[in-house]
N, C-alpha and C. Protein backbone atom coordinates (compact mmCIF):
# COMPACT_ATOMS: atom_id res chain seq x y z
N MET A 1 49.73 -106.93 20.13
CA MET A 1 49.30 -107.75 19.01
C MET A 1 48.17 -107.03 18.28
N HIS A 2 48.20 -107.12 16.99
CA HIS A 2 47.19 -106.48 16.17
C HIS A 2 45.88 -107.26 16.23
N LEU A 3 44.80 -106.57 15.91
CA LEU A 3 43.48 -107.21 15.89
C LEU A 3 43.33 -108.15 14.70
N ALA A 4 44.13 -107.95 13.68
CA ALA A 4 43.99 -108.74 12.45
C ALA A 4 44.33 -110.21 12.66
N TYR A 5 45.28 -110.51 13.52
CA TYR A 5 45.70 -111.90 13.70
C TYR A 5 44.58 -112.78 14.27
N PRO A 6 43.96 -112.40 15.40
CA PRO A 6 42.86 -113.25 15.87
C PRO A 6 41.63 -113.20 14.98
N ALA A 7 41.43 -112.09 14.27
CA ALA A 7 40.28 -112.00 13.37
C ALA A 7 40.44 -112.95 12.18
N VAL A 8 41.64 -113.02 11.65
CA VAL A 8 41.89 -113.94 10.52
C VAL A 8 41.79 -115.39 10.99
N LEU A 9 42.36 -115.68 12.16
CA LEU A 9 42.26 -117.03 12.70
C LEU A 9 40.81 -117.41 12.97
N SER A 10 40.04 -116.46 13.48
CA SER A 10 38.63 -116.72 13.74
C SER A 10 37.86 -116.95 12.45
N ALA A 11 38.18 -116.19 11.42
CA ALA A 11 37.51 -116.38 10.13
C ALA A 11 37.85 -117.75 9.54
N LEU A 12 39.11 -118.17 9.68
CA LEU A 12 39.49 -119.50 9.19
C LEU A 12 38.78 -120.62 9.96
N LEU A 13 38.70 -120.46 11.29
CA LEU A 13 37.99 -121.46 12.09
C LEU A 13 36.51 -121.51 11.72
N PHE A 14 35.92 -120.34 11.54
CA PHE A 14 34.49 -120.30 11.20
C PHE A 14 34.23 -120.92 9.83
N CYS A 15 35.09 -120.63 8.86
CA CYS A 15 34.92 -121.22 7.53
C CYS A 15 35.12 -122.73 7.55
N THR A 16 36.06 -123.19 8.36
CA THR A 16 36.26 -124.63 8.51
C THR A 16 35.02 -125.29 9.12
N GLY A 17 34.46 -124.66 10.13
CA GLY A 17 33.24 -125.18 10.74
C GLY A 17 32.06 -125.14 9.80
N LEU A 18 31.95 -124.08 9.01
CA LEU A 18 30.86 -123.98 8.04
C LEU A 18 30.97 -125.06 6.97
N TYR A 19 32.19 -125.32 6.52
CA TYR A 19 32.39 -126.40 5.56
C TYR A 19 32.00 -127.75 6.18
N GLY A 20 32.36 -127.94 7.44
CA GLY A 20 32.00 -129.18 8.12
C GLY A 20 30.50 -129.36 8.25
N VAL A 21 29.78 -128.28 8.51
CA VAL A 21 28.32 -128.38 8.62
C VAL A 21 27.69 -128.69 7.27
N LEU A 22 28.20 -128.07 6.22
CA LEU A 22 27.59 -128.25 4.91
C LEU A 22 28.00 -129.53 4.21
N ALA A 23 29.19 -130.05 4.49
CA ALA A 23 29.70 -131.18 3.71
C ALA A 23 29.58 -132.52 4.42
N ARG A 24 29.47 -132.54 5.72
CA ARG A 24 29.47 -133.81 6.46
C ARG A 24 28.10 -134.46 6.44
N ARG A 25 28.12 -135.78 6.54
CA ARG A 25 26.88 -136.55 6.60
C ARG A 25 26.64 -137.11 8.00
N ASN A 26 27.67 -137.26 8.78
CA ASN A 26 27.54 -137.82 10.13
C ASN A 26 27.08 -136.71 11.08
N ALA A 27 26.06 -136.99 11.88
CA ALA A 27 25.49 -135.98 12.75
C ALA A 27 26.46 -135.55 13.85
N ILE A 28 27.29 -136.44 14.32
CA ILE A 28 28.25 -136.08 15.37
C ILE A 28 29.31 -135.13 14.81
N LEU A 29 29.75 -135.34 13.58
CA LEU A 29 30.71 -134.43 12.97
C LEU A 29 30.09 -133.07 12.69
N VAL A 30 28.80 -133.04 12.39
CA VAL A 30 28.11 -131.76 12.21
C VAL A 30 28.07 -131.01 13.53
N LEU A 31 27.80 -131.70 14.63
CA LEU A 31 27.81 -131.05 15.94
C LEU A 31 29.20 -130.53 16.29
N MET A 32 30.23 -131.28 15.95
CA MET A 32 31.60 -130.81 16.19
C MET A 32 31.91 -129.57 15.36
N SER A 33 31.39 -129.50 14.15
CA SER A 33 31.61 -128.33 13.31
C SER A 33 30.88 -127.11 13.85
N VAL A 34 29.71 -127.31 14.42
CA VAL A 34 28.99 -126.20 15.06
C VAL A 34 29.78 -125.69 16.25
N GLU A 35 30.37 -126.59 17.01
CA GLU A 35 31.21 -126.17 18.14
C GLU A 35 32.42 -125.39 17.66
N LEU A 36 32.99 -125.77 16.54
CA LEU A 36 34.12 -125.03 15.98
C LEU A 36 33.70 -123.62 15.59
N MET A 37 32.51 -123.49 15.04
CA MET A 37 32.00 -122.17 14.68
C MET A 37 31.77 -121.31 15.93
N LEU A 38 31.24 -121.91 16.98
CA LEU A 38 31.03 -121.16 18.22
C LEU A 38 32.35 -120.74 18.85
N ASN A 39 33.37 -121.57 18.76
CA ASN A 39 34.68 -121.20 19.28
C ASN A 39 35.30 -120.06 18.47
N ALA A 40 35.03 -120.00 17.19
CA ALA A 40 35.49 -118.88 16.38
C ALA A 40 34.83 -117.58 16.83
N VAL A 41 33.55 -117.65 17.15
CA VAL A 41 32.85 -116.48 17.66
C VAL A 41 33.41 -116.07 19.02
N ASN A 42 33.72 -117.04 19.86
CA ASN A 42 34.31 -116.73 21.17
C ASN A 42 35.66 -116.04 21.01
N LEU A 43 36.46 -116.50 20.08
CA LEU A 43 37.76 -115.87 19.83
C LEU A 43 37.58 -114.42 19.39
N ASN A 44 36.61 -114.17 18.54
CA ASN A 44 36.32 -112.79 18.12
C ASN A 44 35.85 -111.94 19.29
N LEU A 45 34.99 -112.48 20.14
CA LEU A 45 34.51 -111.72 21.28
C LEU A 45 35.65 -111.30 22.20
N VAL A 46 36.54 -112.21 22.51
CA VAL A 46 37.65 -111.89 23.40
C VAL A 46 38.62 -110.93 22.72
N ALA A 47 38.90 -111.13 21.44
CA ALA A 47 39.85 -110.25 20.74
C ALA A 47 39.32 -108.82 20.67
N PHE A 48 38.05 -108.67 20.35
CA PHE A 48 37.49 -107.32 20.28
C PHE A 48 37.35 -106.71 21.67
N ASP A 49 37.13 -107.52 22.68
CA ASP A 49 37.08 -106.99 24.04
C ASP A 49 38.43 -106.43 24.46
N VAL A 50 39.49 -107.15 24.16
CA VAL A 50 40.84 -106.67 24.49
C VAL A 50 41.16 -105.42 23.68
N TRP A 51 40.78 -105.42 22.41
CA TRP A 51 41.06 -104.27 21.55
C TRP A 51 40.30 -103.04 22.01
N LEU A 52 39.03 -103.21 22.39
CA LEU A 52 38.25 -102.07 22.85
C LEU A 52 38.65 -101.60 24.24
N SER A 53 39.15 -102.49 25.07
CA SER A 53 39.57 -102.08 26.42
C SER A 53 40.85 -101.25 26.36
N ARG A 54 41.66 -101.44 25.32
CA ARG A 54 42.84 -100.59 25.15
C ARG A 54 42.43 -99.20 24.71
N ALA A 55 41.37 -99.10 23.91
CA ALA A 55 40.93 -97.80 23.41
C ALA A 55 40.17 -97.02 24.47
N ALA A 56 39.37 -97.70 25.28
CA ALA A 56 38.57 -97.02 26.30
C ALA A 56 39.30 -97.07 27.65
N GLN A 57 38.97 -96.13 28.52
CA GLN A 57 39.58 -96.09 29.84
C GLN A 57 38.96 -97.12 30.77
N GLU A 58 37.68 -97.36 30.63
CA GLU A 58 37.01 -98.31 31.52
C GLU A 58 37.06 -99.71 30.92
N THR A 59 37.31 -100.68 31.75
CA THR A 59 37.40 -102.06 31.28
C THR A 59 36.25 -102.86 31.88
N LEU A 60 35.22 -103.08 31.08
CA LEU A 60 34.05 -103.82 31.55
C LEU A 60 34.19 -105.32 31.29
N HIS A 61 35.02 -105.69 30.36
CA HIS A 61 35.21 -107.09 29.97
C HIS A 61 33.89 -107.75 29.57
N SER A 62 33.09 -107.03 28.83
CA SER A 62 31.81 -107.58 28.39
C SER A 62 31.99 -108.69 27.36
N GLY A 63 33.04 -108.61 26.55
CA GLY A 63 33.30 -109.68 25.57
C GLY A 63 33.64 -110.98 26.25
N GLN A 64 34.38 -110.92 27.34
CA GLN A 64 34.73 -112.13 28.07
C GLN A 64 33.51 -112.71 28.79
N ALA A 65 32.63 -111.84 29.28
CA ALA A 65 31.40 -112.33 29.92
C ALA A 65 30.49 -113.00 28.89
N LEU A 66 30.39 -112.40 27.71
CA LEU A 66 29.59 -113.02 26.65
C LEU A 66 30.19 -114.35 26.20
N THR A 67 31.51 -114.44 26.24
CA THR A 67 32.17 -115.70 25.90
C THR A 67 31.81 -116.80 26.89
N LEU A 68 31.76 -116.46 28.16
CA LEU A 68 31.35 -117.46 29.16
C LEU A 68 29.92 -117.92 28.93
N PHE A 69 29.02 -117.00 28.60
CA PHE A 69 27.65 -117.39 28.29
C PHE A 69 27.59 -118.27 27.04
N THR A 70 28.38 -117.94 26.04
CA THR A 70 28.40 -118.73 24.82
C THR A 70 28.93 -120.14 25.08
N ILE A 71 29.93 -120.25 25.94
CA ILE A 71 30.46 -121.57 26.28
C ILE A 71 29.41 -122.40 27.02
N ALA A 72 28.67 -121.76 27.92
CA ALA A 72 27.61 -122.47 28.65
C ALA A 72 26.50 -122.93 27.71
N ILE A 73 26.12 -122.07 26.78
CA ILE A 73 25.08 -122.44 25.81
C ILE A 73 25.58 -123.55 24.89
N ALA A 74 26.84 -123.48 24.48
CA ALA A 74 27.41 -124.51 23.62
C ALA A 74 27.46 -125.85 24.33
N ALA A 75 27.78 -125.83 25.63
CA ALA A 75 27.81 -127.10 26.39
C ALA A 75 26.42 -127.70 26.49
N ALA A 76 25.41 -126.87 26.72
CA ALA A 76 24.04 -127.38 26.77
C ALA A 76 23.60 -127.89 25.40
N GLU A 77 23.98 -127.18 24.36
CA GLU A 77 23.60 -127.58 22.99
C GLU A 77 24.24 -128.91 22.62
N ILE A 78 25.50 -129.09 22.96
CA ILE A 78 26.16 -130.35 22.59
C ILE A 78 25.61 -131.50 23.43
N GLY A 79 25.23 -131.24 24.66
CA GLY A 79 24.64 -132.29 25.49
C GLY A 79 23.30 -132.76 24.95
N ILE A 80 22.44 -131.81 24.63
CA ILE A 80 21.12 -132.15 24.09
C ILE A 80 21.25 -132.74 22.69
N GLY A 81 22.12 -132.16 21.87
CA GLY A 81 22.31 -132.68 20.51
C GLY A 81 22.85 -134.09 20.50
N LEU A 82 23.81 -134.36 21.37
CA LEU A 82 24.37 -135.70 21.43
C LEU A 82 23.35 -136.71 21.94
N ALA A 83 22.50 -136.29 22.88
CA ALA A 83 21.44 -137.18 23.36
C ALA A 83 20.45 -137.49 22.25
N ILE A 84 20.11 -136.51 21.45
CA ILE A 84 19.20 -136.73 20.32
C ILE A 84 19.83 -137.65 19.28
N VAL A 85 21.10 -137.42 18.98
CA VAL A 85 21.79 -138.26 17.98
C VAL A 85 21.86 -139.70 18.48
N LEU A 86 22.17 -139.91 19.74
CA LEU A 86 22.24 -141.27 20.28
C LEU A 86 20.88 -141.95 20.28
N ALA A 87 19.81 -141.20 20.58
CA ALA A 87 18.47 -141.78 20.55
C ALA A 87 18.07 -142.16 19.13
N VAL A 88 18.39 -141.30 18.18
CA VAL A 88 18.08 -141.62 16.78
C VAL A 88 18.90 -142.81 16.31
N TYR A 89 20.16 -142.90 16.73
CA TYR A 89 21.01 -144.02 16.34
C TYR A 89 20.49 -145.33 16.91
N ARG A 90 19.98 -145.29 18.13
CA ARG A 90 19.41 -146.51 18.71
C ARG A 90 18.16 -146.95 17.97
N ASN A 91 17.33 -146.00 17.55
CA ASN A 91 16.08 -146.34 16.87
C ASN A 91 16.29 -146.72 15.41
N ARG A 92 17.15 -145.99 14.72
CA ARG A 92 17.31 -146.18 13.28
C ARG A 92 18.54 -146.99 12.90
N GLY A 93 19.56 -147.04 13.75
CA GLY A 93 20.76 -147.79 13.44
C GLY A 93 21.78 -147.02 12.61
N THR A 94 21.55 -145.74 12.37
CA THR A 94 22.49 -144.93 11.61
C THR A 94 22.43 -143.49 12.10
N SER A 95 23.54 -142.78 11.92
CA SER A 95 23.55 -141.35 12.22
C SER A 95 23.81 -140.54 10.96
N ASP A 96 23.58 -141.15 9.81
CA ASP A 96 23.74 -140.49 8.52
C ASP A 96 22.58 -139.52 8.32
N ILE A 97 22.89 -138.26 8.12
CA ILE A 97 21.85 -137.23 8.02
C ILE A 97 21.00 -137.42 6.77
N ASP A 98 21.60 -137.86 5.68
CA ASP A 98 20.83 -138.06 4.45
C ASP A 98 19.77 -139.15 4.59
N LYS A 99 20.05 -140.15 5.41
CA LYS A 99 19.08 -141.24 5.60
C LYS A 99 18.02 -140.89 6.62
N LEU A 100 18.20 -139.81 7.35
CA LEU A 100 17.27 -139.42 8.40
C LEU A 100 16.45 -138.21 7.97
N ARG A 101 15.73 -138.34 6.89
CA ARG A 101 14.95 -137.21 6.38
C ARG A 101 13.83 -136.83 7.35
N ASP A 102 13.06 -137.80 7.74
CA ASP A 102 11.95 -137.52 8.64
C ASP A 102 11.86 -138.67 9.62
N THR A 103 12.05 -138.39 10.89
CA THR A 103 12.07 -139.46 11.88
C THR A 103 10.68 -139.93 12.27
N ALA A 104 9.65 -139.20 11.91
CA ALA A 104 8.30 -139.57 12.32
C ALA A 104 7.67 -140.59 11.38
N GLU A 105 8.12 -140.63 10.15
CA GLU A 105 7.50 -141.51 9.17
C GLU A 105 8.41 -142.67 8.83
N GLY A 106 7.81 -143.72 8.27
CA GLY A 106 8.57 -144.90 7.89
C GLY A 106 9.32 -144.69 6.59
N PRO A 107 10.01 -145.74 6.12
CA PRO A 107 10.82 -145.59 4.90
C PRO A 107 10.00 -145.49 3.63
N GLU A 108 8.77 -146.02 3.60
CA GLU A 108 7.96 -146.04 2.38
C GLU A 108 6.75 -145.14 2.54
N THR A 109 6.95 -143.84 2.55
CA THR A 109 5.82 -142.91 2.65
C THR A 109 5.88 -141.93 1.50
N GLY A 110 4.75 -141.33 1.23
CA GLY A 110 4.70 -140.30 0.21
C GLY A 110 4.51 -140.82 -1.19
N GLY A 111 4.27 -142.10 -1.36
CA GLY A 111 4.04 -142.66 -2.68
C GLY A 111 2.66 -142.31 -3.18
N PRO A 112 2.37 -142.59 -4.47
CA PRO A 112 1.06 -142.22 -5.03
C PRO A 112 -0.08 -143.02 -4.42
N ASP A 113 0.16 -144.25 -3.99
CA ASP A 113 -0.93 -145.06 -3.43
C ASP A 113 -0.87 -145.12 -1.92
N SER A 114 -0.10 -144.27 -1.28
CA SER A 114 -0.03 -144.31 0.17
C SER A 114 -1.32 -143.80 0.80
N SER A 115 -1.99 -142.83 0.15
CA SER A 115 -3.25 -142.33 0.70
C SER A 115 -4.34 -143.40 0.59
N GLU A 116 -4.31 -144.21 -0.47
CA GLU A 116 -5.30 -145.28 -0.61
C GLU A 116 -5.09 -146.35 0.46
N ALA A 117 -3.85 -146.64 0.78
CA ALA A 117 -3.56 -147.63 1.82
C ALA A 117 -3.99 -147.11 3.18
N GLU A 118 -3.82 -145.81 3.44
CA GLU A 118 -4.26 -145.24 4.70
C GLU A 118 -5.77 -145.26 4.81
N LYS A 119 -6.48 -145.02 3.71
CA LYS A 119 -7.95 -145.06 3.72
C LYS A 119 -8.44 -146.50 3.97
N ALA A 120 -7.74 -147.48 3.37
CA ALA A 120 -8.13 -148.88 3.57
C ALA A 120 -7.92 -149.29 5.03
N GLU A 121 -6.84 -148.82 5.65
CA GLU A 121 -6.60 -149.14 7.06
C GLU A 121 -7.60 -148.44 7.96
N ALA A 122 -8.03 -147.24 7.59
CA ALA A 122 -8.97 -146.50 8.43
C ALA A 122 -10.36 -147.14 8.39
N THR A 123 -10.75 -147.69 7.24
CA THR A 123 -12.09 -148.31 7.14
C THR A 123 -12.11 -149.70 7.70
N ALA A 124 -10.98 -150.37 7.79
CA ALA A 124 -10.95 -151.75 8.26
C ALA A 124 -11.07 -151.87 9.75
């Protein structure tokens, strides 16, 4: 098999994942798109490992080892990311990324008289 087939498939998967990251508003769908991008990278690693092992006499399978590390990192990333999304959903009631600009501040911050209200609370 030629190297072009998995490379083109990997590019299509990566572009699909990139579109999902840039266009989606739901945090869980963004995490799924990141996983799709990581799987595209894994496909490239394995394809180039097979291609290079045919050219060289020694077969180290370094691409496959890197793929295993990438899968482990992706599993940890999705676990932590999903825990964060669930915690934010419990606190805010939504997982819409546009509505979650800053989780530390309330909905009415940054107005022109917000500093005056903070000064009044500090002196009281």
